[in-house]
Amino acid sequence: MNGAPRGRKKLGSKKVMRRSGKSPEIRCLLIPTDGESLLLPITTMAEVIDITQLQAMDDTPPWLLGQVEWENRQVPVFSFSALINGRDVGELSSRSKIMILKSLSDSARVPYLGLLLVGLPRSVDIKEETLVATGDEKKSLGVFSRVTVDEQDAIIPDLDRLTHLVTHATLGALPITQLDN
């Protein structure tokens, strides 16, 4: 039977098109963090909340800011820019926000992550032709790709790696936090 089971088409390298003949759109959020803009599918966001008193955690890296209570859970809050750039977070503004992200792991221990924001995210519809990869020469930890969308530089974060890092920093067994050059 020549490879593909009956009734299924081989996708190969063909572009995926909707029946209308248009490229699919992905509804995303352009997220302002402290130093970088992130691009994530809207489905990864659970909620954006005002920053509240964060509960400190012992023996954590500076990028892990503490925990916030959300829906009767303790959610670890981190600064993406501090993590990938290895710098201190500094003073948090009372206007800062926390985006509650759905964790990509199946772990019940850390099902949500809190991401420090400096403003409100804005919705963008992404099509293949509107997204331009710009590369990541630094090979930053937690970065899947650097892109330009609507003439704005953004980072598509590696949520799997971020979930892994935050989980281990929260629970005490911290893995490698930077890549060798």
N, C-alpha and C. Protein backbone atom coordinates (compact mmCIF):
# COMPACT_ATOMS: atom_id res chain seq x y z
N MET A 1 0.81 -1.21 0.00
CA MET A 1 0.00 0.00 0.00
C MET A 1 0.84 1.26 0.00
N ASN A 2 1.85 1.48 -0.64
CA ASN A 2 2.65 2.69 -0.85
C ASN A 2 2.74 3.66 0.32
N GLY A 3 3.03 3.24 1.52
CA GLY A 3 3.34 4.15 2.62
C GLY A 3 2.16 4.63 3.43
N ALA A 4 1.30 5.48 2.90
CA ALA A 4 0.23 6.10 3.68
C ALA A 4 -0.97 5.17 3.75
N PRO A 5 -1.57 5.00 4.96
CA PRO A 5 -2.76 4.19 5.06
C PRO A 5 -3.88 4.77 4.22
N ARG A 6 -4.77 3.89 3.76
CA ARG A 6 -5.89 4.32 2.93
C ARG A 6 -6.71 5.38 3.67
N GLY A 7 -7.12 6.41 2.97
CA GLY A 7 -7.93 7.48 3.56
C GLY A 7 -7.12 8.62 4.14
N ARG A 8 -5.80 8.44 4.29
CA ARG A 8 -4.95 9.51 4.82
C ARG A 8 -4.04 10.01 3.72
N LYS A 9 -3.81 11.31 3.72
CA LYS A 9 -2.91 11.90 2.74
C LYS A 9 -1.56 12.13 3.38
N LYS A 10 -0.51 11.94 2.62
CA LYS A 10 0.82 12.29 3.09
C LYS A 10 0.95 13.80 3.03
N LEU A 11 1.43 14.38 4.13
CA LEU A 11 1.59 15.83 4.15
C LEU A 11 2.89 16.26 3.49
N GLY A 12 3.95 15.50 3.71
CA GLY A 12 5.23 15.85 3.10
C GLY A 12 5.61 17.28 3.39
N SER A 13 6.09 17.99 2.40
CA SER A 13 6.51 19.38 2.58
C SER A 13 5.49 20.36 2.04
N LYS A 14 4.29 19.89 1.75
CA LYS A 14 3.27 20.80 1.23
C LYS A 14 2.80 21.75 2.32
N LYS A 15 2.40 22.93 1.93
CA LYS A 15 1.84 23.89 2.87
C LYS A 15 0.44 23.44 3.24
N VAL A 16 0.10 23.66 4.51
CA VAL A 16 -1.24 23.33 4.97
C VAL A 16 -2.16 24.49 4.62
N MET A 17 -3.20 24.19 3.91
CA MET A 17 -4.16 25.22 3.49
C MET A 17 -5.55 24.84 3.97
N ARG A 18 -6.32 25.81 4.31
CA ARG A 18 -7.72 25.57 4.59
C ARG A 18 -8.45 25.38 3.28
N ARG A 19 -9.66 24.91 3.37
CA ARG A 19 -10.45 24.69 2.16
C ARG A 19 -10.64 25.97 1.36
N SER A 20 -10.57 27.11 2.03
CA SER A 20 -10.74 28.38 1.34
C SER A 20 -9.52 28.74 0.49
N GLY A 21 -8.42 27.98 0.67
CA GLY A 21 -7.20 28.27 -0.08
C GLY A 21 -6.30 29.27 0.61
N LYS A 22 -6.67 29.72 1.81
CA LYS A 22 -5.87 30.67 2.56
C LYS A 22 -5.02 29.94 3.60
N SER A 23 -3.86 30.49 3.91
CA SER A 23 -3.03 29.93 4.98
C SER A 23 -3.77 30.08 6.29
N PRO A 24 -3.62 29.08 7.18
CA PRO A 24 -4.29 29.20 8.48
C PRO A 24 -3.70 30.33 9.31
N GLU A 25 -4.53 30.92 10.13
CA GLU A 25 -4.09 31.95 11.06
C GLU A 25 -4.04 31.35 12.45
N ILE A 26 -3.10 31.81 13.23
CA ILE A 26 -3.01 31.41 14.63
C ILE A 26 -3.20 32.67 15.45
N ARG A 27 -4.19 32.65 16.32
CA ARG A 27 -4.43 33.79 17.21
C ARG A 27 -3.39 33.73 18.32
N CYS A 28 -2.59 34.80 18.41
CA CYS A 28 -1.49 34.85 19.37
C CYS A 28 -1.59 36.10 20.23
N LEU A 29 -0.73 36.16 21.22
CA LEU A 29 -0.58 37.34 22.06
C LEU A 29 0.85 37.85 21.93
N LEU A 30 0.99 39.16 21.75
CA LEU A 30 2.28 39.83 21.81
C LEU A 30 2.38 40.35 23.24
N ILE A 31 3.32 39.82 24.00
CA ILE A 31 3.35 40.00 25.45
C ILE A 31 4.55 40.85 25.85
N PRO A 32 4.30 42.04 26.46
CA PRO A 32 5.41 42.88 26.90
C PRO A 32 5.96 42.43 28.26
N THR A 33 7.21 41.95 28.26
CA THR A 33 7.85 41.60 29.52
C THR A 33 8.90 42.67 29.82
N ASP A 34 9.63 42.49 30.88
CA ASP A 34 10.63 43.47 31.28
C ASP A 34 11.89 43.36 30.41
N GLY A 35 11.80 43.86 29.19
CA GLY A 35 12.95 43.89 28.30
C GLY A 35 12.73 43.20 26.98
N GLU A 36 11.80 42.30 26.88
CA GLU A 36 11.56 41.54 25.65
C GLU A 36 10.06 41.48 25.40
N SER A 37 9.68 41.29 24.15
CA SER A 37 8.29 40.98 23.81
C SER A 37 8.23 39.51 23.44
N LEU A 38 7.24 38.82 23.95
CA LEU A 38 7.08 37.41 23.67
C LEU A 38 5.89 37.20 22.76
N LEU A 39 5.92 36.13 21.99
CA LEU A 39 4.81 35.77 21.12
C LEU A 39 4.38 34.35 21.49
N LEU A 40 3.13 34.22 21.92
CA LEU A 40 2.59 32.92 22.33
C LEU A 40 1.19 32.75 21.79
N PRO A 41 0.79 31.51 21.50
CA PRO A 41 -0.60 31.28 21.13
C PRO A 41 -1.51 31.67 22.28
N ILE A 42 -2.65 32.24 21.97
CA ILE A 42 -3.57 32.73 23.00
C ILE A 42 -4.04 31.60 23.91
N THR A 43 -4.01 30.37 23.42
CA THR A 43 -4.47 29.24 24.21
C THR A 43 -3.56 28.90 25.38
N THR A 44 -2.34 29.46 25.43
CA THR A 44 -1.45 29.19 26.55
C THR A 44 -1.77 30.06 27.76
N MET A 45 -2.55 31.12 27.57
CA MET A 45 -2.87 32.04 28.67
C MET A 45 -4.11 31.56 29.42
N ALA A 46 -3.99 31.54 30.74
CA ALA A 46 -5.15 31.25 31.58
C ALA A 46 -5.80 32.56 32.04
N GLU A 47 -4.97 33.54 32.46
CA GLU A 47 -5.50 34.80 32.96
C GLU A 47 -4.36 35.79 33.16
N VAL A 48 -4.67 37.07 33.13
CA VAL A 48 -3.72 38.12 33.51
C VAL A 48 -4.26 38.74 34.80
N ILE A 49 -3.39 38.82 35.82
CA ILE A 49 -3.81 39.34 37.11
C ILE A 49 -2.89 40.49 37.53
N ASP A 50 -3.39 41.34 38.42
CA ASP A 50 -2.57 42.39 38.99
C ASP A 50 -1.49 41.76 39.86
N ILE A 51 -0.36 42.43 39.92
CA ILE A 51 0.71 41.91 40.78
C ILE A 51 0.27 42.11 42.22
N THR A 52 0.48 41.09 43.00
CA THR A 52 0.15 41.14 44.42
C THR A 52 1.41 40.83 45.19
N GLN A 53 1.28 40.77 46.48
CA GLN A 53 2.43 40.42 47.31
C GLN A 53 2.87 39.00 46.97
N LEU A 54 4.06 38.88 46.45
CA LEU A 54 4.59 37.56 46.12
C LEU A 54 5.15 36.90 47.37
N GLN A 55 4.88 35.63 47.52
CA GLN A 55 5.42 34.87 48.64
C GLN A 55 6.83 34.43 48.28
N ALA A 56 7.79 34.83 49.10
CA ALA A 56 9.20 34.51 48.84
C ALA A 56 9.42 33.01 48.93
N MET A 57 10.43 32.55 48.22
CA MET A 57 10.82 31.15 48.24
C MET A 57 12.30 31.08 48.60
N ASP A 58 12.67 30.08 49.35
CA ASP A 58 14.07 29.92 49.77
C ASP A 58 14.92 29.31 48.67
N ASP A 59 16.17 29.74 48.60
CA ASP A 59 17.18 29.15 47.72
C ASP A 59 16.72 29.03 46.27
N THR A 60 16.25 30.13 45.70
CA THR A 60 15.84 30.13 44.30
C THR A 60 16.70 31.13 43.53
N PRO A 61 16.82 30.94 42.23
CA PRO A 61 17.59 31.90 41.43
C PRO A 61 16.88 33.25 41.37
N PRO A 62 17.61 34.32 41.05
CA PRO A 62 17.01 35.66 41.06
C PRO A 62 15.86 35.84 40.06
N TRP A 63 15.79 35.06 39.00
CA TRP A 63 14.73 35.19 38.02
C TRP A 63 13.40 34.62 38.51
N LEU A 64 13.45 33.77 39.54
CA LEU A 64 12.23 33.22 40.13
C LEU A 64 11.83 34.14 41.28
N LEU A 65 10.76 34.91 41.07
CA LEU A 65 10.41 36.00 41.96
C LEU A 65 9.64 35.59 43.20
N GLY A 66 9.07 34.42 43.20
CA GLY A 66 8.27 33.94 44.32
C GLY A 66 7.03 33.25 43.79
N GLN A 67 6.03 33.16 44.65
CA GLN A 67 4.78 32.51 44.26
C GLN A 67 3.62 33.45 44.54
N VAL A 68 2.57 33.28 43.74
CA VAL A 68 1.34 34.03 43.93
C VAL A 68 0.20 33.02 44.04
N GLU A 69 -0.77 33.33 44.89
CA GLU A 69 -1.93 32.44 44.99
C GLU A 69 -2.91 32.78 43.88
N TRP A 70 -3.30 31.77 43.15
CA TRP A 70 -4.26 31.92 42.06
C TRP A 70 -5.15 30.68 42.04
N GLU A 71 -6.44 30.89 42.15
CA GLU A 71 -7.42 29.80 42.15
C GLU A 71 -7.02 28.67 43.09
N ASN A 72 -6.69 29.06 44.33
CA ASN A 72 -6.33 28.12 45.39
C ASN A 72 -5.09 27.29 45.07
N ARG A 73 -4.19 27.84 44.28
CA ARG A 73 -2.92 27.20 43.95
C ARG A 73 -1.79 28.18 44.20
N GLN A 74 -0.62 27.64 44.45
CA GLN A 74 0.58 28.45 44.51
C GLN A 74 1.26 28.37 43.15
N VAL A 75 1.32 29.50 42.45
CA VAL A 75 1.88 29.55 41.11
C VAL A 75 3.23 30.27 41.16
N PRO A 76 4.32 29.61 40.72
CA PRO A 76 5.62 30.28 40.70
C PRO A 76 5.65 31.37 39.63
N VAL A 77 6.22 32.53 39.98
CA VAL A 77 6.28 33.69 39.09
C VAL A 77 7.74 33.94 38.72
N PHE A 78 8.00 34.12 37.42
CA PHE A 78 9.36 34.33 36.97
C PHE A 78 9.45 35.51 36.01
N SER A 79 10.67 36.04 35.89
CA SER A 79 10.97 37.09 34.93
C SER A 79 11.70 36.44 33.76
N PHE A 80 11.09 36.49 32.59
CA PHE A 80 11.69 35.90 31.39
C PHE A 80 13.01 36.60 31.06
N SER A 81 13.01 37.92 31.06
CA SER A 81 14.23 38.66 30.70
C SER A 81 15.37 38.39 31.66
N ALA A 82 15.07 38.31 32.96
CA ALA A 82 16.12 38.02 33.94
C ALA A 82 16.68 36.61 33.71
N LEU A 83 15.82 35.68 33.34
CA LEU A 83 16.26 34.31 33.09
C LEU A 83 17.19 34.24 31.87
N ILE A 84 16.76 34.79 30.74
CA ILE A 84 17.57 34.62 29.54
C ILE A 84 18.78 35.56 29.48
N ASN A 85 18.71 36.68 30.19
CA ASN A 85 19.82 37.65 30.15
C ASN A 85 20.72 37.59 31.37
N GLY A 86 20.34 36.79 32.38
CA GLY A 86 21.16 36.65 33.59
C GLY A 86 21.32 37.93 34.36
N ARG A 87 20.27 38.72 34.45
CA ARG A 87 20.37 40.00 35.18
C ARG A 87 19.33 40.04 36.30
N ASP A 88 19.50 41.00 37.20
CA ASP A 88 18.54 41.19 38.28
C ASP A 88 17.25 41.79 37.75
N VAL A 89 16.17 41.53 38.45
CA VAL A 89 14.87 42.03 38.03
C VAL A 89 14.70 43.50 38.39
N GLY A 90 15.20 43.91 39.54
CA GLY A 90 15.02 45.29 39.99
C GLY A 90 13.68 45.46 40.69
N GLU A 91 13.29 46.69 40.87
CA GLU A 91 12.03 47.00 41.56
C GLU A 91 10.83 46.67 40.68
N LEU A 92 9.82 46.06 41.27
CA LEU A 92 8.59 45.77 40.55
C LEU A 92 7.65 46.96 40.68
N SER A 93 7.05 47.35 39.59
CA SER A 93 6.10 48.45 39.58
C SER A 93 4.75 47.96 40.08
N SER A 94 4.01 48.83 40.71
CA SER A 94 2.65 48.46 41.14
C SER A 94 1.74 48.26 39.94
N ARG A 95 2.16 48.73 38.76
CA ARG A 95 1.37 48.54 37.53
C ARG A 95 1.76 47.26 36.79
N SER A 96 2.76 46.54 37.30
CA SER A 96 3.15 45.28 36.68
C SER A 96 1.99 44.29 36.78
N LYS A 97 1.99 43.34 35.89
CA LYS A 97 0.96 42.29 35.84
C LYS A 97 1.64 40.94 35.86
N ILE A 98 0.85 39.92 36.10
CA ILE A 98 1.32 38.54 36.02
C ILE A 98 0.40 37.81 35.07
N MET A 99 0.99 37.17 34.06
CA MET A 99 0.21 36.33 33.17
C MET A 99 0.33 34.89 33.67
N ILE A 100 -0.80 34.29 33.93
CA ILE A 100 -0.83 32.89 34.32
C ILE A 100 -0.84 32.07 33.03
N LEU A 101 0.21 31.28 32.85
CA LEU A 101 0.36 30.45 31.66
C LEU A 101 0.09 28.99 32.00
N LYS A 102 -0.53 28.30 31.09
CA LYS A 102 -0.73 26.86 31.26
C LYS A 102 0.60 26.17 31.00
N SER A 103 1.01 25.35 31.94
CA SER A 103 2.24 24.60 31.81
C SER A 103 2.09 23.56 30.72
N LEU A 104 3.15 23.27 30.01
CA LEU A 104 3.10 22.26 28.97
C LEU A 104 3.36 20.85 29.50
N SER A 105 3.75 20.77 30.76
CA SER A 105 4.00 19.44 31.32
C SER A 105 2.70 18.87 31.87
N ASP A 106 2.67 17.58 32.00
CA ASP A 106 1.51 16.92 32.59
C ASP A 106 1.62 16.83 34.10
N SER A 107 2.62 17.50 34.65
CA SER A 107 2.85 17.44 36.08
C SER A 107 1.76 18.18 36.85
N ALA A 108 1.22 17.53 37.83
CA ALA A 108 0.24 18.17 38.70
C ALA A 108 0.95 19.07 39.70
N ARG A 109 2.28 18.95 39.78
CA ARG A 109 3.03 19.74 40.77
C ARG A 109 3.13 21.20 40.36
N VAL A 110 3.31 21.48 39.08
CA VAL A 110 3.40 22.86 38.59
C VAL A 110 2.59 22.95 37.29
N PRO A 111 1.25 22.99 37.41
CA PRO A 111 0.42 23.04 36.20
C PRO A 111 0.33 24.42 35.57
N TYR A 112 0.74 25.47 36.32
CA TYR A 112 0.68 26.84 35.81
C TYR A 112 1.96 27.57 36.17
N LEU A 113 2.34 28.54 35.33
CA LEU A 113 3.49 29.39 35.55
C LEU A 113 3.02 30.84 35.55
N GLY A 114 3.64 31.67 36.36
CA GLY A 114 3.35 33.10 36.36
C GLY A 114 4.47 33.85 35.67
N LEU A 115 4.13 34.63 34.65
CA LEU A 115 5.10 35.39 33.87
C LEU A 115 4.95 36.87 34.20
N LEU A 116 6.04 37.51 34.59
CA LEU A 116 6.02 38.95 34.91
C LEU A 116 5.82 39.76 33.64
N LEU A 117 4.84 40.66 33.65
CA LEU A 117 4.56 41.55 32.52
C LEU A 117 4.78 43.00 32.93
N VAL A 118 5.07 43.86 31.94
CA VAL A 118 5.18 45.29 32.20
C VAL A 118 4.03 46.06 31.55
N GLY A 119 3.12 45.36 30.94
CA GLY A 119 1.96 45.97 30.28
C GLY A 119 0.99 44.87 29.92
N LEU A 120 -0.03 45.23 29.22
CA LEU A 120 -1.03 44.25 28.82
C LEU A 120 -0.69 43.66 27.46
N PRO A 121 -0.92 42.36 27.30
CA PRO A 121 -0.67 41.74 25.99
C PRO A 121 -1.68 42.22 24.97
N ARG A 122 -1.27 42.15 23.69
CA ARG A 122 -2.22 42.49 22.63
C ARG A 122 -2.34 41.32 21.68
N SER A 123 -3.55 41.14 21.18
CA SER A 123 -3.86 40.04 20.30
C SER A 123 -3.36 40.33 18.89
N VAL A 124 -2.76 39.31 18.26
CA VAL A 124 -2.33 39.40 16.86
C VAL A 124 -2.67 38.09 16.17
N ASP A 125 -3.09 38.19 14.92
CA ASP A 125 -3.34 37.01 14.11
C ASP A 125 -2.10 36.76 13.27
N ILE A 126 -1.52 35.58 13.41
CA ILE A 126 -0.27 35.26 12.73
C ILE A 126 -0.56 34.37 11.53
N LYS A 127 -0.05 34.79 10.40
CA LYS A 127 -0.06 33.97 9.19
C LYS A 127 1.40 33.72 8.84
N GLU A 128 1.63 32.70 8.05
CA GLU A 128 2.99 32.33 7.68
C GLU A 128 3.74 33.52 7.09
N GLU A 129 3.07 34.31 6.25
CA GLU A 129 3.77 35.40 5.57
C GLU A 129 4.02 36.62 6.47
N THR A 130 3.42 36.68 7.66
CA THR A 130 3.64 37.83 8.54
C THR A 130 4.71 37.58 9.59
N LEU A 131 5.26 36.36 9.64
CA LEU A 131 6.22 35.98 10.65
C LEU A 131 7.58 35.76 10.00
N VAL A 132 8.59 36.49 10.46
CA VAL A 132 9.93 36.40 9.89
C VAL A 132 10.90 35.97 10.98
N ALA A 133 11.53 34.80 10.82
CA ALA A 133 12.53 34.34 11.78
C ALA A 133 13.79 35.19 11.64
N THR A 134 14.34 35.64 12.76
CA THR A 134 15.54 36.48 12.74
C THR A 134 16.76 35.79 13.33
N GLY A 135 16.60 34.57 13.87
CA GLY A 135 17.73 33.83 14.42
C GLY A 135 17.99 34.17 15.86
N ASP A 136 18.78 33.35 16.51
CA ASP A 136 19.16 33.56 17.91
C ASP A 136 20.63 33.18 18.06
N GLU A 137 21.51 34.11 17.70
CA GLU A 137 22.95 33.84 17.75
C GLU A 137 23.41 33.50 19.16
N LYS A 138 22.77 34.07 20.18
CA LYS A 138 23.17 33.83 21.56
C LYS A 138 22.75 32.44 22.04
N LYS A 139 21.83 31.79 21.32
CA LYS A 139 21.28 30.50 21.74
C LYS A 139 20.80 30.58 23.18
N SER A 140 19.98 31.57 23.45
CA SER A 140 19.50 31.85 24.79
C SER A 140 18.65 30.72 25.34
N LEU A 141 18.86 30.42 26.59
CA LEU A 141 18.09 29.41 27.27
C LEU A 141 16.64 29.86 27.38
N GLY A 142 15.71 29.01 27.03
CA GLY A 142 14.30 29.36 27.10
C GLY A 142 13.75 30.03 25.87
N VAL A 143 14.60 30.19 24.84
CA VAL A 143 14.18 30.82 23.59
C VAL A 143 14.04 29.75 22.51
N PHE A 144 12.86 29.63 21.94
CA PHE A 144 12.67 28.72 20.81
C PHE A 144 13.12 29.40 19.52
N SER A 145 12.69 30.68 19.35
CA SER A 145 13.04 31.41 18.14
C SER A 145 12.88 32.90 18.36
N ARG A 146 13.66 33.66 17.65
CA ARG A 146 13.46 35.11 17.61
C ARG A 146 12.83 35.43 16.27
N VAL A 147 11.81 36.29 16.30
CA VAL A 147 11.04 36.59 15.09
C VAL A 147 10.73 38.08 15.02
N THR A 148 10.27 38.49 13.85
CA THR A 148 9.70 39.81 13.67
C THR A 148 8.27 39.60 13.21
N VAL A 149 7.35 40.27 13.88
CA VAL A 149 5.94 40.20 13.52
C VAL A 149 5.39 41.62 13.54
N ASP A 150 4.75 42.02 12.46
CA ASP A 150 4.24 43.39 12.34
C ASP A 150 5.32 44.41 12.65
N GLU A 151 6.53 44.18 12.12
CA GLU A 151 7.68 45.06 12.28
C GLU A 151 8.14 45.22 13.73
N GLN A 152 7.79 44.28 14.58
CA GLN A 152 8.23 44.30 15.97
C GLN A 152 8.99 43.02 16.28
N ASP A 153 10.16 43.17 16.92
CA ASP A 153 10.94 42.00 17.33
C ASP A 153 10.24 41.32 18.49
N ALA A 154 10.24 40.00 18.47
CA ALA A 154 9.62 39.22 19.53
C ALA A 154 10.36 37.90 19.67
N ILE A 155 10.11 37.24 20.78
CA ILE A 155 10.69 35.94 21.06
C ILE A 155 9.55 34.94 21.20
N ILE A 156 9.71 33.82 20.53
CA ILE A 156 8.82 32.69 20.79
C ILE A 156 9.54 31.86 21.85
N PRO A 157 9.01 31.86 23.07
CA PRO A 157 9.72 31.14 24.13
C PRO A 157 9.57 29.63 23.99
N ASP A 158 10.54 28.91 24.54
CA ASP A 158 10.49 27.46 24.60
C ASP A 158 9.75 27.11 25.89
N LEU A 159 8.43 26.98 25.81
CA LEU A 159 7.62 26.76 27.01
C LEU A 159 7.94 25.45 27.70
N ASP A 160 8.32 24.45 26.95
CA ASP A 160 8.68 23.18 27.56
C ASP A 160 9.91 23.36 28.45
N ARG A 161 10.92 24.02 27.92
CA ARG A 161 12.15 24.27 28.69
C ARG A 161 11.88 25.20 29.88
N LEU A 162 11.07 26.24 29.67
CA LEU A 162 10.74 27.16 30.77
C LEU A 162 10.00 26.43 31.88
N THR A 163 9.05 25.58 31.51
CA THR A 163 8.32 24.80 32.51
C THR A 163 9.29 23.94 33.30
N HIS A 164 10.22 23.31 32.60
CA HIS A 164 11.23 22.47 33.25
C HIS A 164 12.08 23.30 34.23
N LEU A 165 12.57 24.44 33.78
CA LEU A 165 13.41 25.29 34.63
C LEU A 165 12.66 25.80 35.86
N VAL A 166 11.44 26.30 35.66
CA VAL A 166 10.65 26.83 36.78
C VAL A 166 10.29 25.72 37.75
N THR A 167 9.91 24.57 37.24
CA THR A 167 9.57 23.44 38.10
C THR A 167 10.75 23.05 38.97
N HIS A 168 11.91 22.90 38.35
CA HIS A 168 13.08 22.50 39.12
C HIS A 168 13.54 23.58 40.09
N ALA A 169 13.45 24.84 39.70
CA ALA A 169 13.83 25.92 40.62
C ALA A 169 12.85 26.00 41.79
N THR A 170 11.58 25.75 41.53
CA THR A 170 10.56 25.79 42.58
C THR A 170 10.72 24.64 43.56
N LEU A 171 11.01 23.47 43.03
CA LEU A 171 11.07 22.27 43.86
C LEU A 171 12.46 21.97 44.38
N GLY A 172 13.45 22.77 43.98
CA GLY A 172 14.78 22.65 44.59
C GLY A 172 15.86 22.01 43.76
N ALA A 173 15.58 21.22 42.78
CA ALA A 173 16.61 20.56 41.99
C ALA A 173 16.85 21.35 40.71
N LEU A 174 17.69 22.35 40.78
CA LEU A 174 17.89 23.27 39.67
C LEU A 174 18.80 22.68 38.59
N PRO A 175 18.30 22.61 37.33
CA PRO A 175 19.13 22.11 36.23
C PRO A 175 20.05 23.21 35.71
N ILE A 176 20.74 22.95 34.61
CA ILE A 176 21.59 23.94 33.96
C ILE A 176 20.75 25.16 33.61
N THR A 177 21.26 26.37 33.89
CA THR A 177 20.49 27.57 33.62
C THR A 177 21.13 28.45 32.54
N GLN A 178 22.22 28.00 31.95
CA GLN A 178 22.76 28.74 30.81
C GLN A 178 23.51 27.76 29.92
N LEU A 179 23.59 28.12 28.66
CA LEU A 179 24.27 27.27 27.69
C LEU A 179 25.71 27.72 27.56
N ASP A 180 26.59 26.74 27.32
CA ASP A 180 27.99 27.08 27.07
C ASP A 180 28.10 27.71 25.70
N ASN A 181 29.05 28.63 25.54
CA ASN A 181 29.27 29.28 24.23
C ASN A 181 30.01 28.37 23.30
